[in-house]
Amino acid sequence: MSRAKSKKEDLIAQAEIYEKELSVEVGEIKQQIKEKGSQALIIGGVLLGSYLLYSLLSGSEKKTKSEAKEGGSFIGGAIKSYAIALALSLAKDKLVEFLQQLEENNQEVRSEK
């Protein structure tokens, strides 16, 4: 009887250890998902902001004949181009950062196997 009891206690102890390890791993996975989700939201926000800024600065499609001939304001066009370039640059930087972190995580997972 004592042998069965000690084996049961050993199994219970092992189960507790596995449960703790699993809870730690689940916590790490949740943290990684949270980080990736926030990065994706930032990238999406930058892209949405770029699009809204572009549509705001480009104005409506209906122009008078004199505006169509002039081609719009030079300063307005320059500001619009600069704003779009800046927004796209920020989006590119965030995407590159996201891809680098994703690659680092993949390498960590591969090295653990």
PDB file of N, CA and C in Angstrom:
ATOM      1  N   MET A   1       0.802  -1.185   0.000  1.00  0.00           N
ATOM      2  CA  MET A   1       0.000   0.000   0.000  1.00  0.00           C
ATOM      3  C   MET A   1       0.855   1.264   0.000  1.00  0.00           C
ATOM      4  N   SER A   2       1.935   1.255   0.767  1.00  0.00           N
ATOM      5  CA  SER A   2       2.770   2.445   0.874  1.00  0.00           C
ATOM      6  C   SER A   2       3.470   2.753  -0.457  1.00  0.00           C
ATOM      7  N   ARG A   3       3.792   1.686  -1.201  1.00  0.00           N
ATOM      8  CA  ARG A   3       4.438   1.889  -2.497  1.00  0.00           C
ATOM      9  C   ARG A   3       3.471   2.574  -3.462  1.00  0.00           C
ATOM     10  N   ALA A   4       2.228   2.150  -3.491  1.00  0.00           N
ATOM     11  CA  ALA A   4       1.215   2.769  -4.352  1.00  0.00           C
ATOM     12  C   ALA A   4       0.973   4.214  -3.911  1.00  0.00           C
ATOM     13  N   LYS A   5       0.996   4.437  -2.613  1.00  0.00           N
ATOM     14  CA  LYS A   5       0.780   5.782  -2.085  1.00  0.00           C
ATOM     15  C   LYS A   5       1.922   6.716  -2.484  1.00  0.00           C
ATOM     16  N   SER A   6       3.150   6.237  -2.391  1.00  0.00           N
ATOM     17  CA  SER A   6       4.302   7.072  -2.755  1.00  0.00           C
ATOM     18  C   SER A   6       4.319   7.344  -4.263  1.00  0.00           C
ATOM     19  N   LYS A   7       3.928   6.359  -5.049  1.00  0.00           N
ATOM     20  CA  LYS A   7       3.863   6.551  -6.502  1.00  0.00           C
ATOM     21  C   LYS A   7       2.804   7.602  -6.842  1.00  0.00           C
ATOM     22  N   LYS A   8       1.666   7.539  -6.139  1.00  0.00           N
ATOM     23  CA  LYS A   8       0.599   8.510  -6.354  1.00  0.00           C
ATOM     24  C   LYS A   8       1.081   9.908  -5.999  1.00  0.00           C
ATOM     25  N   GLU A   9       1.799  10.039  -4.900  1.00  0.00           N
ATOM     26  CA  GLU A   9       2.328  11.338  -4.488  1.00  0.00           C
ATOM     27  C   GLU A   9       3.329  11.861  -5.507  1.00  0.00           C
ATOM     28  N   ASP A  10       4.171  10.976  -6.043  1.00  0.00           N
ATOM     29  CA  ASP A  10       5.129  11.369  -7.076  1.00  0.00           C
ATOM     30  C   ASP A  10       4.408  11.873  -8.326  1.00  0.00           C
ATOM     31  N   LEU A  11       3.383  11.171  -8.727  1.00  0.00           N
ATOM     32  CA  LEU A  11       2.621  11.578  -9.910  1.00  0.00           C
ATOM     33  C   LEU A  11       1.921  12.921  -9.690  1.00  0.00           C
ATOM     34  N   ILE A  12       1.394  13.116  -8.493  1.00  0.00           N
ATOM     35  CA  ILE A  12       0.740  14.389  -8.174  1.00  0.00           C
ATOM     36  C   ILE A  12       1.765  15.525  -8.211  1.00  0.00           C
ATOM     37  N   ALA A  13       2.958  15.267  -7.674  1.00  0.00           N
ATOM     38  CA  ALA A  13       4.017  16.281  -7.686  1.00  0.00           C
ATOM     39  C   ALA A  13       4.429  16.614  -9.121  1.00  0.00           C
ATOM     40  N   GLN A  14       4.567  15.598  -9.962  1.00  0.00           N
ATOM     41  CA  GLN A  14       4.916  15.822 -11.370  1.00  0.00           C
ATOM     42  C   GLN A  14       3.812  16.609 -12.080  1.00  0.00           C
ATOM     43  N   ALA A  15       2.569  16.289 -11.786  1.00  0.00           N
ATOM     44  CA  ALA A  15       1.450  16.996 -12.408  1.00  0.00           C
ATOM     45  C   ALA A  15       1.471  18.469 -12.029  1.00  0.00           C
ATOM     46  N   GLU A  16       1.802  18.759 -10.769  1.00  0.00           N
ATOM     47  CA  GLU A  16       1.882  20.149 -10.321  1.00  0.00           C
ATOM     48  C   GLU A  16       3.010  20.887 -11.028  1.00  0.00           C
ATOM     49  N   ILE A  17       4.135  20.210 -11.213  1.00  0.00           N
ATOM     50  CA  ILE A  17       5.259  20.826 -11.919  1.00  0.00           C
ATOM     51  C   ILE A  17       4.863  21.138 -13.360  1.00  0.00           C
ATOM     52  N   TYR A  18       4.234  20.170 -14.043  1.00  0.00           N
ATOM     53  CA  TYR A  18       3.810  20.394 -15.421  1.00  0.00           C
ATOM     54  C   TYR A  18       2.774  21.519 -15.509  1.00  0.00           C
ATOM     55  N   GLU A  19       1.900  21.579 -14.532  1.00  0.00           N
ATOM     56  CA  GLU A  19       0.875  22.621 -14.525  1.00  0.00           C
ATOM     57  C   GLU A  19       1.518  24.006 -14.395  1.00  0.00           C
ATOM     58  N   LYS A  20       2.509  24.129 -13.533  1.00  0.00           N
ATOM     59  CA  LYS A  20       3.219  25.407 -13.374  1.00  0.00           C
ATOM     60  C   LYS A  20       3.945  25.787 -14.657  1.00  0.00           C
ATOM     61  N   GLU A  21       4.621  24.813 -15.271  1.00  0.00           N
ATOM     62  CA  GLU A  21       5.339  25.080 -16.517  1.00  0.00           C
ATOM     63  C   GLU A  21       4.378  25.515 -17.621  1.00  0.00           C
ATOM     64  N   LEU A  22       3.249  24.839 -17.708  1.00  0.00           N
ATOM     65  CA  LEU A  22       2.264  25.201 -18.732  1.00  0.00           C
ATOM     66  C   LEU A  22       1.700  26.594 -18.492  1.00  0.00           C
ATOM     67  N   SER A  23       1.448  26.942 -17.246  1.00  0.00           N
ATOM     68  CA  SER A  23       0.904  28.271 -16.972  1.00  0.00           C
ATOM     69  C   SER A  23       1.925  29.355 -17.313  1.00  0.00           C
ATOM     70  N   VAL A  24       3.206  29.077 -17.088  1.00  0.00           N
ATOM     71  CA  VAL A  24       4.250  30.037 -17.466  1.00  0.00           C
ATOM     72  C   VAL A  24       4.296  30.188 -18.983  1.00  0.00           C
ATOM     73  N   GLU A  25       4.245  29.074 -19.698  1.00  0.00           N
ATOM     74  CA  GLU A  25       4.279  29.125 -21.161  1.00  0.00           C
ATOM     75  C   GLU A  25       3.055  29.834 -21.728  1.00  0.00           C
ATOM     76  N   VAL A  26       1.898  29.582 -21.161  1.00  0.00           N
ATOM     77  CA  VAL A  26       0.684  30.253 -21.619  1.00  0.00           C
ATOM     78  C   VAL A  26       0.797  31.755 -21.372  1.00  0.00           C
ATOM     79  N   GLY A  27       1.352  32.141 -20.249  1.00  0.00           N
ATOM     80  CA  GLY A  27       1.560  33.556 -19.956  1.00  0.00           C
ATOM     81  C   GLY A  27       2.490  34.208 -20.964  1.00  0.00           C
ATOM     82  N   GLU A  28       3.563  33.507 -21.332  1.00  0.00           N
ATOM     83  CA  GLU A  28       4.500  34.034 -22.329  1.00  0.00           C
ATOM     84  C   GLU A  28       3.814  34.180 -23.684  1.00  0.00           C
ATOM     85  N   ILE A  29       3.019  33.194 -24.059  1.00  0.00           N
ATOM     86  CA  ILE A  29       2.316  33.246 -25.341  1.00  0.00           C
ATOM     87  C   ILE A  29       1.332  34.405 -25.354  1.00  0.00           C
ATOM     88  N   LYS A  30       0.620  34.604 -24.257  1.00  0.00           N
ATOM     89  CA  LYS A  30      -0.312  35.736 -24.170  1.00  0.00           C
ATOM     90  C   LYS A  30       0.424  37.051 -24.327  1.00  0.00           C
ATOM     91  N   GLN A  31       1.596  37.179 -23.694  1.00  0.00           N
ATOM     92  CA  GLN A  31       2.378  38.411 -23.786  1.00  0.00           C
ATOM     93  C   GLN A  31       2.831  38.651 -25.223  1.00  0.00           C
ATOM     94  N   GLN A  32       3.290  37.594 -25.899  1.00  0.00           N
ATOM     95  CA  GLN A  32       3.727  37.737 -27.286  1.00  0.00           C
ATOM     96  C   GLN A  32       2.572  38.151 -28.188  1.00  0.00           C
ATOM     97  N   ILE A  33       1.406  37.565 -27.971  1.00  0.00           N
ATOM     98  CA  ILE A  33       0.235  37.915 -28.775  1.00  0.00           C
ATOM     99  C   ILE A  33      -0.150  39.363 -28.533  1.00  0.00           C
ATOM    100  N   LYS A  34      -0.066  39.788 -27.293  1.00  0.00           N
ATOM    101  CA  LYS A  34      -0.391  41.178 -26.962  1.00  0.00           C
ATOM    102  C   LYS A  34       0.572  42.138 -27.660  1.00  0.00           C
ATOM    103  N   GLU A  35       1.863  41.817 -27.640  1.00  0.00           N
ATOM    104  CA  GLU A  35       2.856  42.664 -28.296  1.00  0.00           C
ATOM    105  C   GLU A  35       2.625  42.726 -29.808  1.00  0.00           C
ATOM    106  N   LYS A  36       2.404  41.563 -30.421  1.00  0.00           N
ATOM    107  CA  LYS A  36       2.199  41.516 -31.873  1.00  0.00           C
ATOM    108  C   LYS A  36       0.908  42.249 -32.258  1.00  0.00           C
ATOM    109  N   GLY A  37      -0.117  42.086 -31.440  1.00  0.00           N
ATOM    110  CA  GLY A  37      -1.373  42.774 -31.720  1.00  0.00           C
ATOM    111  C   GLY A  37      -1.227  44.276 -31.638  1.00  0.00           C
ATOM    112  N   SER A  38      -0.491  44.757 -30.652  1.00  0.00           N
ATOM    113  CA  SER A  38      -0.308  46.202 -30.532  1.00  0.00           C
ATOM    114  C   SER A  38       0.534  46.735 -31.682  1.00  0.00           C
ATOM    115  N   GLN A  39       1.529  45.969 -32.113  1.00  0.00           N
ATOM    116  CA  GLN A  39       2.321  46.389 -33.264  1.00  0.00           C
ATOM    117  C   GLN A  39       1.474  46.431 -34.536  1.00  0.00           C
ATOM    118  N   ALA A  40       0.625  45.435 -34.702  1.00  0.00           N
ATOM    119  CA  ALA A  40      -0.252  45.423 -35.874  1.00  0.00           C
ATOM    120  C   ALA A  40      -1.218  46.601 -35.836  1.00  0.00           C
ATOM    121  N   LEU A  41      -1.714  46.945 -34.658  1.00  0.00           N
ATOM    122  CA  LEU A  41      -2.605  48.098 -34.544  1.00  0.00           C
ATOM    123  C   LEU A  41      -1.872  49.395 -34.866  1.00  0.00           C
ATOM    124  N   ILE A  42      -0.635  49.513 -34.430  1.00  0.00           N
ATOM    125  CA  ILE A  42       0.148  50.713 -34.724  1.00  0.00           C
ATOM    126  C   ILE A  42       0.370  50.833 -36.225  1.00  0.00           C
ATOM    127  N   ILE A  43       0.741  49.726 -36.856  1.00  0.00           N
ATOM    128  CA  ILE A  43       0.976  49.740 -38.306  1.00  0.00           C
ATOM    129  C   ILE A  43      -0.315  50.102 -39.036  1.00  0.00           C
ATOM    130  N   GLY A  44      -1.411  49.480 -38.636  1.00  0.00           N
ATOM    131  CA  GLY A  44      -2.695  49.790 -39.260  1.00  0.00           C
ATOM    132  C   GLY A  44      -3.086  51.238 -39.049  1.00  0.00           C
ATOM    133  N   GLY A  45      -2.837  51.762 -37.861  1.00  0.00           N
ATOM    134  CA  GLY A  45      -3.149  53.158 -37.570  1.00  0.00           C
ATOM    135  C   GLY A  45      -2.329  54.115 -38.426  1.00  0.00           C
ATOM    136  N   VAL A  46      -1.050  53.796 -38.595  1.00  0.00           N
ATOM    137  CA  VAL A  46      -0.195  54.652 -39.433  1.00  0.00           C
ATOM    138  C   VAL A  46      -0.680  54.621 -40.881  1.00  0.00           C
ATOM    139  N   LEU A  47      -1.011  53.428 -41.356  1.00  0.00           N
ATOM    140  CA  LEU A  47      -1.494  53.331 -42.740  1.00  0.00           C
ATOM    141  C   LEU A  47      -2.831  54.046 -42.911  1.00  0.00           C
ATOM    142  N   LEU A  48      -3.721  53.896 -41.948  1.00  0.00           N
ATOM    143  CA  LEU A  48      -5.014  54.578 -42.013  1.00  0.00           C
ATOM    144  C   LEU A  48      -4.821  56.089 -41.949  1.00  0.00           C
ATOM    145  N   GLY A  49      -3.941  56.519 -41.067  1.00  0.00           N
ATOM    146  CA  GLY A  49      -3.648  57.952 -40.981  1.00  0.00           C
ATOM    147  C   GLY A  49      -3.069  58.483 -42.281  1.00  0.00           C
ATOM    148  N   SER A  50      -2.199  57.705 -42.904  1.00  0.00           N
ATOM    149  CA  SER A  50      -1.620  58.110 -44.186  1.00  0.00           C
ATOM    150  C   SER A  50      -2.708  58.264 -45.243  1.00  0.00           C
ATOM    151  N   TYR A  51      -3.601  57.290 -45.273  1.00  0.00           N
ATOM    152  CA  TYR A  51      -4.677  57.341 -46.260  1.00  0.00           C
ATOM    153  C   TYR A  51      -5.590  58.537 -46.009  1.00  0.00           C
ATOM    154  N   LEU A  52      -5.953  58.757 -44.744  1.00  0.00           N
ATOM    155  CA  LEU A  52      -6.834  59.891 -44.434  1.00  0.00           C
ATOM    156  C   LEU A  52      -6.155  61.216 -44.743  1.00  0.00           C
ATOM    157  N   LEU A  53      -4.865  61.308 -44.418  1.00  0.00           N
ATOM    158  CA  LEU A  53      -4.130  62.532 -44.715  1.00  0.00           C
ATOM    159  C   LEU A  53      -4.054  62.758 -46.218  1.00  0.00           C
ATOM    160  N   TYR A  54      -3.806  61.694 -46.952  1.00  0.00           N
ATOM    161  CA  TYR A  54      -3.750  61.804 -48.407  1.00  0.00           C
ATOM    162  C   TYR A  54      -5.093  62.246 -48.977  1.00  0.00           C
ATOM    163  N   SER A  55      -6.167  61.610 -48.506  1.00  0.00           N
ATOM    164  CA  SER A  55      -7.483  61.976 -49.038  1.00  0.00           C
ATOM    165  C   SER A  55      -7.879  63.391 -48.627  1.00  0.00           C
ATOM    166  N   LEU A  56      -7.457  63.819 -47.445  1.00  0.00           N
ATOM    167  CA  LEU A  56      -7.759  65.182 -46.989  1.00  0.00           C
ATOM    168  C   LEU A  56      -7.005  66.204 -47.816  1.00  0.00           C
ATOM    169  N   LEU A  57      -5.722  65.943 -48.055  1.00  0.00           N
ATOM    170  CA  LEU A  57      -4.908  66.903 -48.789  1.00  0.00           C
ATOM    171  C   LEU A  57      -5.157  66.875 -50.292  1.00  0.00           C
ATOM    172  N   SER A  58      -5.588  65.749 -50.801  1.00  0.00           N
ATOM    173  CA  SER A  58      -5.825  65.683 -52.238  1.00  0.00           C
ATOM    174  C   SER A  58      -7.120  66.383 -52.605  1.00  0.00           C
ATOM    175  N   GLY A  59      -8.031  66.548 -51.667  1.00  0.00           N
ATOM    176  CA  GLY A  59      -9.281  67.250 -51.927  1.00  0.00           C
ATOM    177  C   GLY A  59     -10.230  66.405 -52.742  1.00  0.00           C
ATOM    178  N   SER A  60     -11.298  67.029 -53.170  1.00  0.00           N
ATOM    179  CA  SER A  60     -12.294  66.298 -53.944  1.00  0.00           C
ATOM    180  C   SER A  60     -11.861  66.195 -55.402  1.00  0.00           C
ATOM    181  N   GLU A  61     -12.508  65.295 -56.098  1.00  0.00           N
ATOM    182  CA  GLU A  61     -12.193  65.077 -57.510  1.00  0.00           C
ATOM    183  C   GLU A  61     -12.798  66.166 -58.404  1.00  0.00           C
ATOM    184  N   LYS A  62     -13.817  66.836 -57.919  1.00  0.00           N
ATOM    185  CA  LYS A  62     -14.478  67.864 -58.715  1.00  0.00           C
ATOM    186  C   LYS A  62     -13.724  69.180 -58.578  1.00  0.00           C
ATOM    187  N   LYS A  63     -13.078  69.590 -59.645  1.00  0.00           N
ATOM    188  CA  LYS A  63     -12.334  70.847 -59.655  1.00  0.00           C
ATOM    189  C   LYS A  63     -12.895  71.733 -60.759  1.00  0.00           C
ATOM    190  N   THR A  64     -12.743  72.988 -60.518  1.00  0.00           N
ATOM    191  CA  THR A  64     -13.168  73.914 -61.571  1.00  0.00           C
ATOM    192  C   THR A  64     -12.156  73.858 -62.700  1.00  0.00           C
ATOM    193  N   LYS A  65     -12.516  74.427 -63.841  1.00  0.00           N
ATOM    194  CA  LYS A  65     -11.626  74.378 -65.002  1.00  0.00           C
ATOM    195  C   LYS A  65     -10.336  75.137 -64.748  1.00  0.00           C
ATOM    196  N   SER A  66     -10.412  76.246 -64.030  1.00  0.00           N
ATOM    197  CA  SER A  66      -9.198  77.029 -63.777  1.00  0.00           C
ATOM    198  C   SER A  66      -8.252  76.272 -62.845  1.00  0.00           C
ATOM    199  N   GLU A  67      -8.794  75.543 -61.836  1.00  0.00           N
ATOM    200  CA  GLU A  67      -7.956  74.753 -60.938  1.00  0.00           C
ATOM    201  C   GLU A  67      -7.324  73.589 -61.684  1.00  0.00           C
ATOM    202  N   ALA A  68      -8.058  73.002 -62.582  1.00  0.00           N
ATOM    203  CA  ALA A  68      -7.535  71.874 -63.347  1.00  0.00           C
ATOM    204  C   ALA A  68      -6.384  72.325 -64.239  1.00  0.00           C
ATOM    205  N   LYS A  69      -6.491  73.528 -64.798  1.00  0.00           N
ATOM    206  CA  LYS A  69      -5.429  74.047 -65.656  1.00  0.00           C
ATOM    207  C   LYS A  69      -4.186  74.401 -64.857  1.00  0.00           C
ATOM    208  N   GLU A  70      -4.385  74.954 -63.649  1.00  0.00           N
ATOM    209  CA  GLU A  70      -3.253  75.355 -62.829  1.00  0.00           C
ATOM    210  C   GLU A  70      -2.519  74.152 -62.255  1.00  0.00           C
ATOM    211  N   GLY A  71      -3.231  73.078 -62.039  1.00  0.00           N
ATOM    212  CA  GLY A  71      -2.609  71.888 -61.470  1.00  0.00           C
ATOM    213  C   GLY A  71      -2.514  71.953 -59.959  1.00  0.00           C
ATOM    214  N   GLY A  72      -3.190  72.866 -59.322  1.00  0.00           N
ATOM    215  CA  GLY A  72      -3.166  72.967 -57.858  1.00  0.00           C
ATOM    216  C   GLY A  72      -2.003  73.800 -57.380  1.00  0.00           C
ATOM    217  N   SER A  73      -1.955  74.054 -56.126  1.00  0.00           N
ATOM    218  CA  SER A  73      -0.909  74.860 -55.528  1.00  0.00           C
ATOM    219  C   SER A  73       0.382  74.065 -55.407  1.00  0.00           C
ATOM    220  N   PHE A  74       1.486  74.717 -55.700  1.00  0.00           N
ATOM    221  CA  PHE A  74       2.785  74.068 -55.584  1.00  0.00           C
ATOM    222  C   PHE A  74       3.101  73.742 -54.128  1.00  0.00           C
ATOM    223  N   ILE A  75       2.826  74.677 -53.240  1.00  0.00           N
ATOM    224  CA  ILE A  75       3.109  74.476 -51.823  1.00  0.00           C
ATOM    225  C   ILE A  75       2.227  73.362 -51.263  1.00  0.00           C
ATOM    226  N   GLY A  76       0.953  73.374 -51.636  1.00  0.00           N
ATOM    227  CA  GLY A  76       0.044  72.324 -51.180  1.00  0.00           C
ATOM    228  C   GLY A  76       0.492  70.948 -51.649  1.00  0.00           C
ATOM    229  N   GLY A  77       0.927  70.879 -52.890  1.00  0.00           N
ATOM    230  CA  GLY A  77       1.420  69.607 -53.428  1.00  0.00           C
ATOM    231  C   GLY A  77       2.681  69.143 -52.723  1.00  0.00           C
ATOM    232  N   ALA A  78       3.570  70.082 -52.409  1.00  0.00           N
ATOM    233  CA  ALA A  78       4.810  69.736 -51.720  1.00  0.00           C
ATOM    234  C   ALA A  78       4.519  69.234 -50.309  1.00  0.00           C
ATOM    235  N   ILE A  79       3.620  69.916 -49.606  1.00  0.00           N
ATOM    236  CA  ILE A  79       3.262  69.497 -48.249  1.00  0.00           C
ATOM    237  C   ILE A  79       2.610  68.119 -48.281  1.00  0.00           C
ATOM    238  N   LYS A  80       1.723  67.927 -49.253  1.00  0.00           N
ATOM    239  CA  LYS A  80       1.045  66.634 -49.379  1.00  0.00           C
ATOM    240  C   LYS A  80       2.057  65.520 -49.650  1.00  0.00           C
ATOM    241  N   SER A  81       2.988  65.749 -50.535  1.00  0.00           N
ATOM    242  CA  SER A  81       3.999  64.739 -50.854  1.00  0.00           C
ATOM    243  C   SER A  81       4.867  64.429 -49.641  1.00  0.00           C
ATOM    244  N   TYR A  82       5.256  65.472 -48.903  1.00  0.00           N
ATOM    245  CA  TYR A  82       6.091  65.278 -47.720  1.00  0.00           C
ATOM    246  C   TYR A  82       5.335  64.501 -46.651  1.00  0.00           C
ATOM    247  N   ALA A  83       4.073  64.844 -46.429  1.00  0.00           N
ATOM    248  CA  ALA A  83       3.275  64.159 -45.407  1.00  0.00           C
ATOM    249  C   ALA A  83       3.087  62.679 -45.762  1.00  0.00           C
ATOM    250  N   ILE A  84       2.824  62.403 -47.018  1.00  0.00           N
ATOM    251  CA  ILE A  84       2.641  61.019 -47.453  1.00  0.00           C
ATOM    252  C   ILE A  84       3.950  60.244 -47.308  1.00  0.00           C
ATOM    253  N   ALA A  85       5.059  60.854 -47.694  1.00  0.00           N
ATOM    254  CA  ALA A  85       6.352  60.188 -47.574  1.00  0.00           C
ATOM    255  C   ALA A  85       6.685  59.901 -46.112  1.00  0.00           C
ATOM    256  N   LEU A  86       6.390  60.855 -45.242  1.00  0.00           N
ATOM    257  CA  LEU A  86       6.654  60.668 -43.812  1.00  0.00           C
ATOM    258  C   LEU A  86       5.806  59.535 -43.240  1.00  0.00           C
ATOM    259  N   ALA A  87       4.520  59.522 -43.571  1.00  0.00           N
ATOM    260  CA  ALA A  87       3.627  58.481 -43.056  1.00  0.00           C
ATOM    261  C   ALA A  87       4.034  57.102 -43.581  1.00  0.00           C
ATOM    262  N   LEU A  88       4.385  57.031 -44.842  1.00  0.00           N
ATOM    263  CA  LEU A  88       4.810  55.741 -45.404  1.00  0.00           C
ATOM    264  C   LEU A  88       6.144  55.283 -44.816  1.00  0.00           C
ATOM    265  N   SER A  89       7.022  56.220 -44.518  1.00  0.00           N
ATOM    266  CA  SER A  89       8.288  55.882 -43.885  1.00  0.00           C
ATOM    267  C   SER A  89       8.064  55.318 -42.488  1.00  0.00           C
ATOM    268  N   LEU A  90       7.164  55.928 -41.725  1.00  0.00           N
ATOM    269  CA  LEU A  90       6.836  55.412 -40.398  1.00  0.00           C
ATOM    270  C   LEU A  90       6.226  54.013 -40.484  1.00  0.00           C
ATOM    271  N   ALA A  91       5.332  53.828 -41.435  1.00  0.00           N
ATOM    272  CA  ALA A  91       4.718  52.512 -41.614  1.00  0.00           C
ATOM    273  C   ALA A  91       5.769  51.473 -41.993  1.00  0.00           C
ATOM    274  N   LYS A  92       6.697  51.846 -42.859  1.00  0.00           N
ATOM    275  CA  LYS A  92       7.766  50.932 -43.267  1.00  0.00           C
ATOM    276  C   LYS A  92       8.640  50.547 -42.079  1.00  0.00           C
ATOM    277  N   ASP A  93       8.996  51.533 -41.259  1.00  0.00           N
ATOM    278  CA  ASP A  93       9.826  51.255 -40.089  1.00  0.00           C
ATOM    279  C   ASP A  93       9.130  50.293 -39.133  1.00  0.00           C
ATOM    280  N   LYS A  94       7.839  50.495 -38.898  1.00  0.00           N
ATOM    281  CA  LYS A  94       7.090  49.617 -38.006  1.00  0.00           C
ATOM    282  C   LYS A  94       6.992  48.202 -38.589  1.00  0.00           C
ATOM    283  N   LEU A  95       6.791  48.098 -39.892  1.00  0.00           N
ATOM    284  CA  LEU A  95       6.728  46.775 -40.525  1.00  0.00           C
ATOM    285  C   LEU A  95       8.062  46.043 -40.433  1.00  0.00           C
ATOM    286  N   VAL A  96       9.151  46.764 -40.667  1.00  0.00           N
ATOM    287  CA  VAL A  96      10.476  46.155 -40.583  1.00  0.00           C
ATOM    288  C   VAL A  96      10.744  45.689 -39.156  1.00  0.00           C
ATOM    289  N   GLU A  97      10.400  46.522 -38.178  1.00  0.00           N
ATOM    290  CA  GLU A  97      10.578  46.149 -36.767  1.00  0.00           C
ATOM    291  C   GLU A  97       9.757  44.906 -36.420  1.00  0.00           C
ATOM    292  N   PHE A  98       8.525  44.878 -36.886  1.00  0.00           N
ATOM    293  CA  PHE A  98       7.648  43.733 -36.640  1.00  0.00           C
ATOM    294  C   PHE A  98       8.221  42.466 -37.248  1.00  0.00           C
ATOM    295  N   LEU A  99       8.701  42.546 -38.486  1.00  0.00           N
ATOM    296  CA  LEU A  99       9.260  41.372 -39.160  1.00  0.00           C
ATOM    297  C   LEU A  99      10.544  40.894 -38.488  1.00  0.00           C
ATOM    298  N   GLN A 100      11.367  41.825 -38.000  1.00  0.00           N
ATOM    299  CA  GLN A 100      12.588  41.433 -37.299  1.00  0.00           C
ATOM    300  C   GLN A 100      12.256  40.695 -36.005  1.00  0.00           C
ATOM    301  N   GLN A 101      11.285  41.203 -35.256  1.00  0.00           N
ATOM    302  CA  GLN A 101      10.905  40.537 -34.019  1.00  0.00           C
ATOM    303  C   GLN A 101      10.292  39.165 -34.302  1.00  0.00           C
ATOM    304  N   LEU A 102       9.528  39.087 -35.360  1.00  0.00           N
ATOM    305  CA  LEU A 102       8.934  37.806 -35.738  1.00  0.00           C
ATOM    306  C   LEU A 102      10.026  36.804 -36.098  1.00  0.00           C
ATOM    307  N   GLU A 103      11.036  37.236 -36.822  1.00  0.00           N
ATOM    308  CA  GLU A 103      12.148  36.362 -37.199  1.00  0.00           C
ATOM    309  C   GLU A 103      12.942  35.936 -35.964  1.00  0.00           C
ATOM    310  N   GLU A 104      13.162  36.857 -35.021  1.00  0.00           N
ATOM    311  CA  GLU A 104      13.877  36.512 -33.788  1.00  0.00           C
ATOM    312  C   GLU A 104      13.101  35.464 -32.993  1.00  0.00           C
ATOM    313  N   ASN A 105      11.792  35.641 -32.917  1.00  0.00           N
ATOM    314  CA  ASN A 105      10.973  34.670 -32.194  1.00  0.00           C
ATOM    315  C   ASN A 105      11.005  33.307 -32.868  1.00  0.00           C
ATOM    316  N   ASN A 106      11.000  33.287 -34.196  1.00  0.00           N
ATOM    317  CA  ASN A 106      11.068  32.015 -34.922  1.00  0.00           C
ATOM    318  C   ASN A 106      12.419  31.333 -34.670  1.00  0.00           C
ATOM    319  N   GLN A 107      13.498  32.107 -34.610  1.00  0.00           N
ATOM    320  CA  GLN A 107      14.799  31.529 -34.341  1.00  0.00           C
ATOM    321  C   GLN A 107      14.870  30.972 -32.923  1.00  0.00           C
ATOM    322  N   GLU A 108      14.244  31.669 -31.966  1.00  0.00           N
ATOM    323  CA  GLU A 108      14.232  31.177 -30.584  1.00  0.00           C
ATOM    324  C   GLU A 108      13.478  29.867 -30.491  1.00  0.00           C
ATOM    325  N   VAL A 109      12.357  29.788 -31.205  1.00  0.00           N
ATOM    326  CA  VAL A 109      11.551  28.566 -31.179  1.00  0.00           C
ATOM    327  C   VAL A 109      12.329  27.416 -31.806  1.00  0.00           C
ATOM    328  N   ARG A 110      13.013  27.704 -32.903  1.00  0.00           N
ATOM    329  CA  ARG A 110      13.814  26.656 -33.570  1.00  0.00           C
ATOM    330  C   ARG A 110      14.946  26.172 -32.684  1.00  0.00           C
ATOM    331  N   SER A 111      15.591  27.109 -31.976  1.00  0.00           N
ATOM    332  CA  SER A 111      16.716  26.716 -31.128  1.00  0.00           C
ATOM    333  C   SER A 111      16.267  25.915 -29.908  1.00  0.00           C
ATOM    334  N   GLU A 112      15.013  26.123 -29.457  1.00  0.00           N
ATOM    335  CA  GLU A 112      14.495  25.379 -28.317  1.00  0.00           C
ATOM    336  C   GLU A 112      14.197  23.934 -28.690  1.00  0.00           C
ATOM    337  N   LYS A 113      13.919  23.673 -29.948  1.00  0.00           N
ATOM    338  CA  LYS A 113      13.597  22.308 -30.395  1.00  0.00           C
ATOM    339  C   LYS A 113      14.840  21.531 -30.493  1.00  0.00           C
TER     340      LYS A 113
END
